[in-house]
Structure formats: structure tokens, C-alpha cells
Amino acid sequence: MSSSINSRNLCVVTNGDSYPGYISSYRILCAMKKREDRFANECKLRVLCRDKESHRMRLLKEMGAEVVKVDYRDENKLREMMKDAAHVCLIPEHSRECVEEAQCVIKAAKHQGVEHISMHSVVGCDRASEHSSGEEQKYRHLAQYHQIEKMVKEQFGNNHCIVRICLFNQMFYFMAPQIEGEGILALPVKEDAKWGCIDLNDWVNAIYNLALKEHEKRGRTIGSTGKKQLYQFTPQRVMSSKEITREIGEGLGSQELRYKRISDDEMRQYLQKMKDDERFREEPKHEKEPKWDQDGPWSYPIGRYLNDHLIELILEYWRMANDGKQEIHTNDLKEVLEIEPRSVKDYFHKNRNQFREFK
């Protein structure tokens, strides 16, 4: 162990293959490249993944991250990865064994004396147990997130932070062919059901702000014994499916956008189709410097993210909205960003040109 805790500047991010895993790692690396602040100057980043040869993992390596392929059930290997880490960012796998894999990460981090752990979770997961008899599978994936939250709390006590998010606006890129081609937003949600979606750029900037503030306050990379241990990053106002459709249409300059409710099976089949669509292949190396207030190749979702487990998680999120359990809104995102989060309308207005690339 190093002579002082302040010298432990290693941050370990799990599930780098995922959308939030990649974007959060990329954001830190961009800050490191520009030497934005003390946190960026002192942080070292290790990204754990299943496929280190994917384009996005190779890009993270080129930018300075240590990228390591792991089996999340191999606790000895995970202990090795956690050695000298100040902080672990736990992003659960989209897999059948996600709870067991997360447990191995948590136990390895605890064994190695990791100071602080944060977890990426989902808004509403704590309501997943509210189902009728015989409906245990209705919110199975959301319930798994809540189960992992409990393990984090039990093992790390005050030294943890859980960040729950709702749907990213960027997921609507997968619907761009319908929106731009047919003038329809087709989702498996009631027209009057209310739910939230946020800009991934707001989310990643907020995540970075949390890390920076802790570094400045504690004098080490990340780690907190502060009081707030749960953040729920939601929009300022949750809206109905119909209202969200109107905001998207106005933002894109398409006043004719109509909402259409479809079945879970239809949505599942559509997303599985988009997984293999050429428009959502991994992008070539991008030349532009990210601005983090609008989308670009660095923040576009890619088809490989849409595995069966993630698709089911998204469907459960909308299913919960249909049951009236996603009318959740807080000021957490605004307070951490210290600015007003971008509205759905403003987000689509800002990114209308990018969105049309996928029509």
C-alpha cells in the first residue's frame, strides 16, 4: 500500500464496453489530455471490459487508459485490478449473471481497501419489488439493480455513492429511421404515461463534476464520506409520451411528428433490428474535439450496446411508466451541474443535424 492515501490516484471503471462505461471513461481522458484541473492532472484510469479489441476500447487505450479484459466471475483477477485503486465506478454488466458479477467486483474492491465506490443505477429500480403475486419477472432486470445497490451499501457503508439515471435522449437515435422517415415515434408506452429522459452530455458532465468536487474537497482523486449517497438524475419535469413526442418534433423542426403505441414485442424486434443496422456500426476515429454540450461521433450509441439484456431493461423502464411508477423528478442533476439541464426540445434542436445523419 502506498505511503499516503493521497497517492492512490487510480480510478477503475467496470463495464467499459457499455454506453455509460465508455462515455464516462472518455470524458475523464479528454480532461486528462487538456489538463483541465487537478483531478485530471493526477488521475490514472483503468477500464475493465470484455472485448479490449473493439474500436472504442482501442480508442480509450490510445488516449491513455489502461484497458484490461476481465472475467467478472474471477475474483482473484478482479483483486489484481483493484490494487492501489482509490475509487471504483461500478457499472453493472448487461448479462444474465450481472448480480453475481457485481458481487465479485464489490468483494474484490473491499478486499483491496478501495476507499470509495460509486454505482451506476436506474431510476425506479427501488420500485421493482412492487408487483402483484405471479409477476416476479415483470421488472426482473430493474430489481437486479436494486439488489446490487443493497450490496454496495452493505459493503461500503458511508463510502459509496449511487447515481440513478433515466433514459438517455441519445437512445432516440435508434428511432431516427422512423422519426425522420415516417414521421412517427413508436414506443410501447401509453400516450399519457409519464417518464423522464435526459441528455447523456448533462449526465457525464455531472458525473465528472462529482469526481472533481470530491478530489478538491478530500485532497485525493475520488472518495467521499459526505452525506449525500444517492443521486437521481432526472429531468426537471417528467412528461407524458405525447408531450415528449411534441418536444422532439418541435426540436427537430418537424411539427408533424406523431406518437404511436406499439407492443413490447414490436419494440423488442425493432431494437434487435437496429442492433445490426449499418447506421449504428462503430464509428471511425473522430477528429473533432468534444464540446460536451452536443453530440458527435464520441457520443453516438452503437448497435453492439443493444444486447438482449439491455433491451429488456429498457422495456421494463417503459413498462414501469405504464404502471405509473416513473413519475420521478428531482433537482439533483441541476444542482450537480450548477446549470439548468437541457430540455428535450432544446436537446433535439441542438442536435437536429446529427440526428438526421441516421434517418
Protein backbone atom coordinates (compact mmCIF):
# COMPACT_ATOMS: atom_id res chain seq x y z
CA MET A 1 0.00 0.00 0.00
CA SER A 2 1.29 3.46 -0.81
CA SER A 3 2.65 5.67 1.96
CA SER A 4 -0.35 8.00 1.97
CA ILE A 5 -3.91 7.64 0.81
CA ASN A 6 -3.49 10.80 -1.25
CA SER A 7 -1.10 8.94 -3.55
CA ARG A 8 -3.80 6.46 -4.54
CA ASN A 9 -4.99 8.20 -7.70
CA LEU A 10 -6.18 5.18 -9.64
CA CYS A 11 -9.82 5.09 -10.76
CA VAL A 12 -11.19 1.77 -12.03
CA VAL A 13 -14.25 1.79 -14.32
CA THR A 14 -16.05 -1.51 -14.89
CA ASN A 15 -18.09 -2.49 -17.96
CA GLY A 16 -16.18 -0.19 -20.31
CA ASP A 17 -17.97 -1.98 -23.15
CA SER A 18 -21.24 -0.29 -22.15
CA TYR A 19 -22.52 3.12 -23.22
CA PRO A 20 -22.07 4.79 -19.78
CA GLY A 21 -18.78 2.95 -19.19
CA TYR A 22 -17.27 4.17 -22.42
CA ILE A 23 -18.59 7.74 -22.23
CA SER A 24 -17.55 8.33 -18.62
CA SER A 25 -14.06 6.98 -19.36
CA TYR A 26 -13.81 9.09 -22.49
CA ARG A 27 -14.84 12.22 -20.58
CA ILE A 28 -12.10 11.69 -17.97
CA LEU A 29 -9.48 11.04 -20.65
CA CYS A 30 -10.44 14.21 -22.54
CA ALA A 31 -9.99 16.17 -19.31
CA MET A 32 -6.63 14.50 -18.74
CA LYS A 33 -5.49 15.40 -22.24
CA LYS A 34 -6.44 19.06 -21.76
CA ARG A 35 -5.20 19.06 -18.14
CA GLU A 36 -8.50 20.69 -17.18
CA ASP A 37 -7.96 20.61 -13.42
CA ARG A 38 -6.10 18.97 -10.58
CA PHE A 39 -8.28 15.88 -10.78
CA ALA A 40 -7.42 15.43 -14.47
CA ASN A 41 -3.72 16.02 -13.80
CA GLU A 42 -3.48 13.42 -11.05
CA CYS A 43 -5.95 10.72 -12.08
CA LYS A 44 -4.92 7.40 -13.60
CA LEU A 45 -7.62 5.40 -15.33
CA ARG A 46 -8.07 1.65 -15.65
CA VAL A 47 -11.02 0.42 -17.73
CA LEU A 48 -12.27 -3.16 -17.40
CA CYS A 49 -14.06 -4.75 -20.35
CA ARG A 50 -14.97 -7.99 -22.07
CA ASP A 51 -13.59 -7.07 -25.52
CA LYS A 52 -10.46 -4.92 -25.48
CA GLU A 53 -10.15 -5.11 -29.28
CA SER A 54 -13.36 -3.20 -30.03
CA HIS A 55 -12.88 0.18 -31.68
CA ARG A 56 -13.97 2.18 -28.66
CA MET A 57 -11.76 0.24 -26.23
CA ARG A 58 -8.75 0.67 -28.54
CA LEU A 59 -9.52 4.38 -28.65
CA LEU A 60 -9.55 4.63 -24.84
CA LYS A 61 -6.17 2.86 -24.76
CA GLU A 62 -4.74 5.28 -27.32
CA MET A 63 -5.92 8.16 -25.15
CA GLY A 64 -4.01 6.87 -22.14
CA ALA A 65 -6.27 4.44 -20.27
CA GLU A 66 -5.11 1.03 -19.15
CA VAL A 67 -7.71 -1.24 -20.78
CA VAL A 68 -7.94 -4.78 -19.39
CA LYS A 69 -10.09 -7.71 -20.47
CA VAL A 70 -11.59 -9.48 -17.47
CA ASP A 71 -13.91 -12.27 -16.47
CA TYR A 72 -16.12 -10.67 -13.82
CA ARG A 73 -16.55 -14.02 -12.07
CA ASP A 74 -12.79 -14.32 -11.49
CA GLU A 75 -12.43 -12.63 -8.11
CA ASN A 76 -8.64 -13.15 -7.98
CA LYS A 77 -8.20 -11.29 -11.26
CA LEU A 78 -10.53 -8.55 -10.04
CA ARG A 79 -8.49 -8.19 -6.84
CA GLU A 80 -5.43 -7.64 -9.00
CA MET A 81 -7.30 -4.96 -10.95
CA MET A 82 -8.37 -3.19 -7.73
CA LYS A 83 -4.88 -2.99 -6.23
CA ASP A 84 -3.99 0.62 -5.28
CA ALA A 85 -7.33 1.92 -6.54
CA ALA A 86 -8.81 4.91 -4.73
CA HIS A 87 -12.17 4.59 -6.40
CA VAL A 88 -14.20 2.04 -8.33
CA CYS A 89 -17.00 3.06 -10.66
CA LEU A 90 -19.30 0.03 -10.78
CA ILE A 91 -21.38 -0.14 -13.94
CA PRO A 92 -23.32 -3.42 -13.84
CA GLU A 93 -22.99 -5.73 -16.80
CA HIS A 94 -25.92 -6.30 -19.12
CA SER A 95 -25.75 -10.04 -18.60
CA ARG A 96 -27.60 -12.97 -17.10
CA GLU A 97 -25.13 -13.12 -14.18
CA CYS A 98 -24.98 -9.35 -13.54
CA VAL A 99 -25.70 -9.65 -9.79
CA GLU A 100 -23.04 -12.31 -9.22
CA GLU A 101 -20.53 -10.39 -11.34
CA ALA A 102 -21.19 -7.16 -9.47
CA GLN A 103 -20.80 -9.02 -6.18
CA CYS A 104 -17.35 -10.20 -7.27
CA VAL A 105 -16.36 -6.61 -8.15
CA ILE A 106 -17.62 -5.31 -4.78
CA LYS A 107 -15.87 -8.05 -2.80
CA ALA A 108 -12.59 -7.54 -4.67
CA ALA A 109 -12.74 -3.78 -4.10
CA LYS A 110 -13.46 -4.30 -0.41
CA HIS A 111 -10.61 -6.80 -0.06
CA GLN A 112 -8.12 -4.37 -1.58
CA GLY A 113 -9.15 -1.49 0.65
CA VAL A 114 -10.67 0.65 -2.07
CA GLU A 115 -11.69 3.90 -0.39
CA HIS A 116 -14.87 4.67 -2.29
CA ILE A 117 -17.23 3.06 -4.76
CA SER A 118 -19.86 4.62 -6.98
CA MET A 119 -22.56 2.74 -8.83
CA HIS A 120 -24.47 3.47 -12.00
CA SER A 121 -28.13 2.53 -11.45
CA VAL A 122 -31.60 3.18 -12.86
CA VAL A 123 -34.38 5.48 -11.68
CA GLY A 124 -37.29 3.45 -10.34
CA CYS A 125 -35.32 0.29 -9.55
CA ASP A 126 -36.38 0.59 -5.90
CA ARG A 127 -40.00 0.24 -7.04
CA ALA A 128 -39.33 -3.01 -8.90
CA SER A 129 -40.46 -5.11 -5.95
CA GLU A 130 -43.91 -3.53 -6.06
CA HIS A 131 -45.68 -6.14 -8.14
CA SER A 132 -48.60 -8.48 -7.76
CA SER A 133 -48.22 -12.15 -6.96
CA GLY A 134 -47.07 -14.08 -10.02
CA GLU A 135 -45.46 -11.02 -11.65
CA GLU A 136 -41.91 -11.55 -10.36
CA GLN A 137 -40.48 -11.38 -13.88
CA LYS A 138 -42.17 -8.09 -14.73
CA TYR A 139 -39.25 -5.95 -13.51
CA ARG A 140 -36.58 -8.61 -13.14
CA HIS A 141 -33.71 -6.53 -14.58
CA LEU A 142 -34.61 -3.40 -12.60
CA ALA A 143 -34.84 -5.50 -9.43
CA GLN A 144 -31.30 -6.73 -10.06
CA TYR A 145 -30.03 -3.13 -9.98
CA HIS A 146 -31.71 -2.57 -6.63
CA GLN A 147 -30.19 -5.79 -5.33
CA ILE A 148 -26.71 -4.58 -6.35
CA GLU A 149 -27.38 -1.20 -4.71
CA LYS A 150 -28.03 -3.01 -1.42
CA MET A 151 -24.74 -4.92 -1.70
CA VAL A 152 -22.82 -1.70 -2.32
CA LYS A 153 -24.36 -0.09 0.77
CA GLU A 154 -23.72 -3.15 2.95
CA GLN A 155 -20.05 -3.45 1.98
CA PHE A 156 -19.02 0.21 1.80
CA GLY A 157 -21.24 1.94 4.36
CA ASN A 158 -20.75 5.72 4.12
CA ASN A 159 -18.08 5.39 1.44
CA HIS A 160 -20.36 4.90 -1.51
CA CYS A 161 -22.43 6.89 -3.97
CA ILE A 162 -25.26 5.62 -6.16
CA VAL A 163 -26.31 7.56 -9.25
CA ARG A 164 -29.64 6.53 -10.76
CA ILE A 165 -30.43 7.72 -14.25
CA CYS A 166 -33.45 7.63 -16.52
CA LEU A 167 -33.35 7.03 -20.26
CA PHE A 168 -30.73 8.92 -22.28
CA ASN A 169 -32.05 11.15 -25.08
CA GLN A 170 -29.34 9.63 -27.26
CA MET A 171 -31.25 6.33 -27.32
CA PHE A 172 -33.70 8.05 -29.67
CA TYR A 173 -31.05 7.86 -32.39
CA PHE A 174 -32.15 4.26 -32.76
CA MET A 175 -35.64 5.57 -33.56
CA ALA A 176 -34.35 8.14 -36.08
CA PRO A 177 -35.21 5.99 -39.13
CA GLN A 178 -38.88 6.01 -38.05
CA ILE A 179 -38.96 9.62 -36.87
CA GLU A 180 -37.28 11.05 -39.96
CA GLY A 181 -38.57 8.52 -42.48
CA GLU A 182 -42.17 8.00 -41.35
CA GLY A 183 -42.86 10.95 -39.04
CA ILE A 184 -43.70 8.55 -36.21
CA LEU A 185 -42.31 7.90 -32.75
CA ALA A 186 -43.37 4.34 -31.93
CA LEU A 187 -42.86 3.16 -28.33
CA PRO A 188 -44.52 0.58 -26.04
CA VAL A 189 -45.79 3.25 -23.64
CA LYS A 190 -49.25 4.68 -23.06
CA GLU A 191 -49.74 8.10 -24.62
CA ASP A 192 -50.47 9.66 -21.23
CA ALA A 193 -47.87 7.70 -19.23
CA LYS A 194 -45.21 9.97 -17.71
CA TRP A 195 -41.50 9.21 -17.68
CA GLY A 196 -38.16 11.00 -17.92
CA CYS A 197 -35.24 11.22 -20.31
CA ILE A 198 -32.04 13.28 -20.06
CA ASP A 199 -29.11 14.35 -22.22
CA LEU A 200 -26.15 12.00 -21.83
CA ASN A 201 -23.86 15.06 -22.10
CA ASP A 202 -25.51 16.54 -18.98
CA TRP A 203 -25.12 13.20 -17.22
CA VAL A 204 -21.42 12.75 -17.99
CA ASN A 205 -20.62 16.36 -17.06
CA ALA A 206 -22.45 15.86 -13.76
CA ILE A 207 -20.53 12.63 -13.10
CA TYR A 208 -17.28 14.46 -13.79
CA ASN A 209 -18.31 17.33 -11.50
CA LEU A 210 -18.95 14.89 -8.65
CA ALA A 211 -15.48 13.40 -9.11
CA LEU A 212 -13.83 16.83 -9.33
CA LYS A 213 -15.57 18.19 -6.23
CA GLU A 214 -14.59 15.17 -4.18
CA HIS A 215 -10.98 15.48 -5.35
CA GLU A 216 -10.83 19.12 -4.37
CA LYS A 217 -12.58 18.53 -1.05
CA ARG A 218 -10.79 15.40 0.08
CA GLY A 219 -7.39 16.01 -1.48
CA ARG A 220 -7.48 12.71 -3.29
CA THR A 221 -8.76 11.52 -6.63
CA ILE A 222 -12.25 10.36 -5.70
CA GLY A 223 -13.77 9.19 -2.49
CA SER A 224 -16.36 10.61 -0.21
CA THR A 225 -17.69 10.32 3.28
CA GLY A 226 -20.17 13.09 2.53
CA LYS A 227 -23.79 12.84 3.47
CA LYS A 228 -25.37 12.50 0.04
CA GLN A 229 -25.09 8.94 -1.19
CA LEU A 230 -27.97 8.76 -3.65
CA TYR A 231 -28.43 10.98 -6.70
CA GLN A 232 -31.36 10.59 -9.08
CA PHE A 233 -30.59 12.33 -12.35
CA THR A 234 -33.96 13.12 -13.86
CA PRO A 235 -35.38 15.99 -15.90
CA GLN A 236 -36.83 18.92 -14.01
CA ARG A 237 -40.26 17.84 -15.22
CA VAL A 238 -41.39 14.39 -16.30
CA MET A 239 -43.70 14.41 -19.29
CA SER A 240 -46.16 12.09 -20.97
CA SER A 241 -45.22 10.17 -24.11
CA LYS A 242 -47.36 12.59 -26.11
CA GLU A 243 -45.60 15.63 -24.62
CA ILE A 244 -42.16 14.11 -25.25
CA THR A 245 -43.14 13.46 -28.86
CA ARG A 246 -44.21 17.07 -29.29
CA GLU A 247 -40.94 18.36 -27.80
CA ILE A 248 -38.89 16.09 -30.09
CA GLY A 249 -40.88 17.25 -33.12
CA GLU A 250 -40.50 20.93 -32.25
CA GLY A 251 -36.80 20.50 -31.56
CA LEU A 252 -36.23 18.78 -34.90
CA GLY A 253 -38.42 21.30 -36.72
CA SER A 254 -40.87 18.54 -37.59
CA GLN A 255 -44.30 19.65 -36.42
CA GLU A 256 -45.95 16.59 -37.98
CA LEU A 257 -44.32 14.00 -35.69
CA ARG A 258 -46.98 11.61 -34.41
CA TYR A 259 -46.94 9.21 -31.49
CA LYS A 260 -47.86 5.56 -31.92
CA ARG A 261 -48.08 2.98 -29.18
CA ILE A 262 -46.72 -0.43 -30.09
CA SER A 263 -46.36 -3.71 -28.17
CA ASP A 264 -43.31 -4.82 -26.20
CA ASP A 265 -42.66 -7.49 -28.82
CA GLU A 266 -42.73 -4.96 -31.65
CA MET A 267 -40.30 -2.71 -29.78
CA ARG A 268 -38.04 -5.67 -28.98
CA GLN A 269 -37.94 -6.73 -32.62
CA TYR A 270 -37.25 -3.17 -33.78
CA LEU A 271 -34.30 -2.70 -31.39
CA GLN A 272 -32.88 -6.11 -32.32
CA LYS A 273 -33.03 -4.98 -35.95
CA MET A 274 -31.24 -1.71 -35.12
CA LYS A 275 -28.51 -3.68 -33.35
CA ASP A 276 -27.30 -4.95 -36.73
CA ASP A 277 -28.17 -1.84 -38.76
CA GLU A 278 -25.23 -0.39 -40.71
CA ARG A 279 -26.02 3.10 -39.42
CA PHE A 280 -25.09 2.04 -35.90
CA ARG A 281 -21.76 0.35 -36.55
CA GLU A 282 -18.74 1.55 -34.61
CA GLU A 283 -17.57 4.87 -35.98
CA PRO A 284 -14.16 5.66 -37.49
CA LYS A 285 -11.70 7.61 -35.40
CA HIS A 286 -13.09 11.07 -34.78
CA GLU A 287 -11.06 14.18 -35.38
CA LYS A 288 -13.24 16.76 -33.64
CA GLU A 289 -12.65 17.79 -30.05
CA PRO A 290 -15.77 17.02 -27.96
CA LYS A 291 -17.68 20.04 -26.71
CA TRP A 292 -19.79 18.06 -24.21
CA ASP A 293 -22.81 20.24 -24.91
CA GLN A 294 -23.83 18.45 -28.11
CA ASP A 295 -23.44 15.07 -29.77
CA GLY A 296 -20.74 13.83 -32.07
CA PRO A 297 -19.11 10.51 -33.02
CA TRP A 298 -17.84 10.21 -29.43
CA SER A 299 -21.37 10.10 -28.00
CA TYR A 300 -23.45 8.31 -30.64
CA PRO A 301 -24.90 5.00 -29.43
CA ILE A 302 -23.79 1.94 -31.39
CA GLY A 303 -25.71 -1.22 -32.18
CA ARG A 304 -23.48 -3.52 -30.16
CA TYR A 305 -24.79 -1.90 -26.96
CA LEU A 306 -28.24 -3.32 -27.68
CA ASN A 307 -27.80 -6.81 -26.32
CA ASP A 308 -30.88 -8.72 -25.18
CA HIS A 309 -30.45 -7.81 -21.50
CA LEU A 310 -30.24 -4.07 -22.16
CA ILE A 311 -33.27 -4.24 -24.44
CA GLU A 312 -35.26 -5.96 -21.67
CA LEU A 313 -34.11 -3.34 -19.15
CA ILE A 314 -35.36 -0.53 -21.43
CA LEU A 315 -38.68 -2.33 -21.91
CA GLU A 316 -39.06 -2.68 -18.13
CA TYR A 317 -38.41 1.05 -17.71
CA TRP A 318 -41.29 1.84 -20.08
CA ARG A 319 -43.44 -0.91 -18.51
CA MET A 320 -42.97 0.81 -15.17
CA ALA A 321 -44.08 4.09 -16.77
CA ASN A 322 -47.25 2.34 -17.92
CA ASP A 323 -47.85 1.36 -14.30
CA GLY A 324 -47.48 4.98 -13.18
CA LYS A 325 -44.20 4.36 -11.32
CA GLN A 326 -41.83 6.56 -13.35
CA GLU A 327 -43.19 9.98 -12.36
CA ILE A 328 -39.95 10.65 -10.51
CA HIS A 329 -38.19 14.02 -10.65
CA THR A 330 -35.51 15.64 -8.51
CA ASN A 331 -33.22 18.66 -8.67
CA ASP A 332 -30.11 16.51 -8.32
CA LEU A 333 -28.92 16.91 -11.90
CA LYS A 334 -29.37 20.68 -11.86
CA GLU A 335 -27.63 21.00 -8.50
CA VAL A 336 -24.59 18.97 -9.56
CA LEU A 337 -24.32 20.66 -12.98
CA GLU A 338 -24.93 24.09 -11.41
CA ILE A 339 -26.84 24.99 -14.59
CA GLU A 340 -30.27 24.10 -15.95
CA PRO A 341 -30.22 20.64 -17.61
CA ARG A 342 -31.11 20.74 -21.29
CA SER A 343 -34.79 20.13 -22.05
CA VAL A 344 -35.89 17.54 -24.58
CA LYS A 345 -36.84 20.27 -27.06
CA ASP A 346 -33.52 22.10 -26.66
CA TYR A 347 -31.55 18.88 -26.92
CA PHE A 348 -33.14 17.91 -30.24
CA HIS A 349 -32.82 21.46 -31.56
CA LYS A 350 -29.12 21.46 -30.68
CA ASN A 351 -28.58 18.07 -32.33
CA ARG A 352 -31.01 18.16 -35.25
CA ASN A 353 -28.24 17.89 -37.84
CA GLN A 354 -26.59 14.97 -36.06
CA PHE A 355 -29.95 13.25 -35.72
CA ARG A 356 -30.64 13.46 -39.43
CA GLU A 357 -27.45 11.56 -40.19
CA PHE A 358 -29.28 8.42 -39.02
CA LYS A 359 -32.51 8.78 -40.98
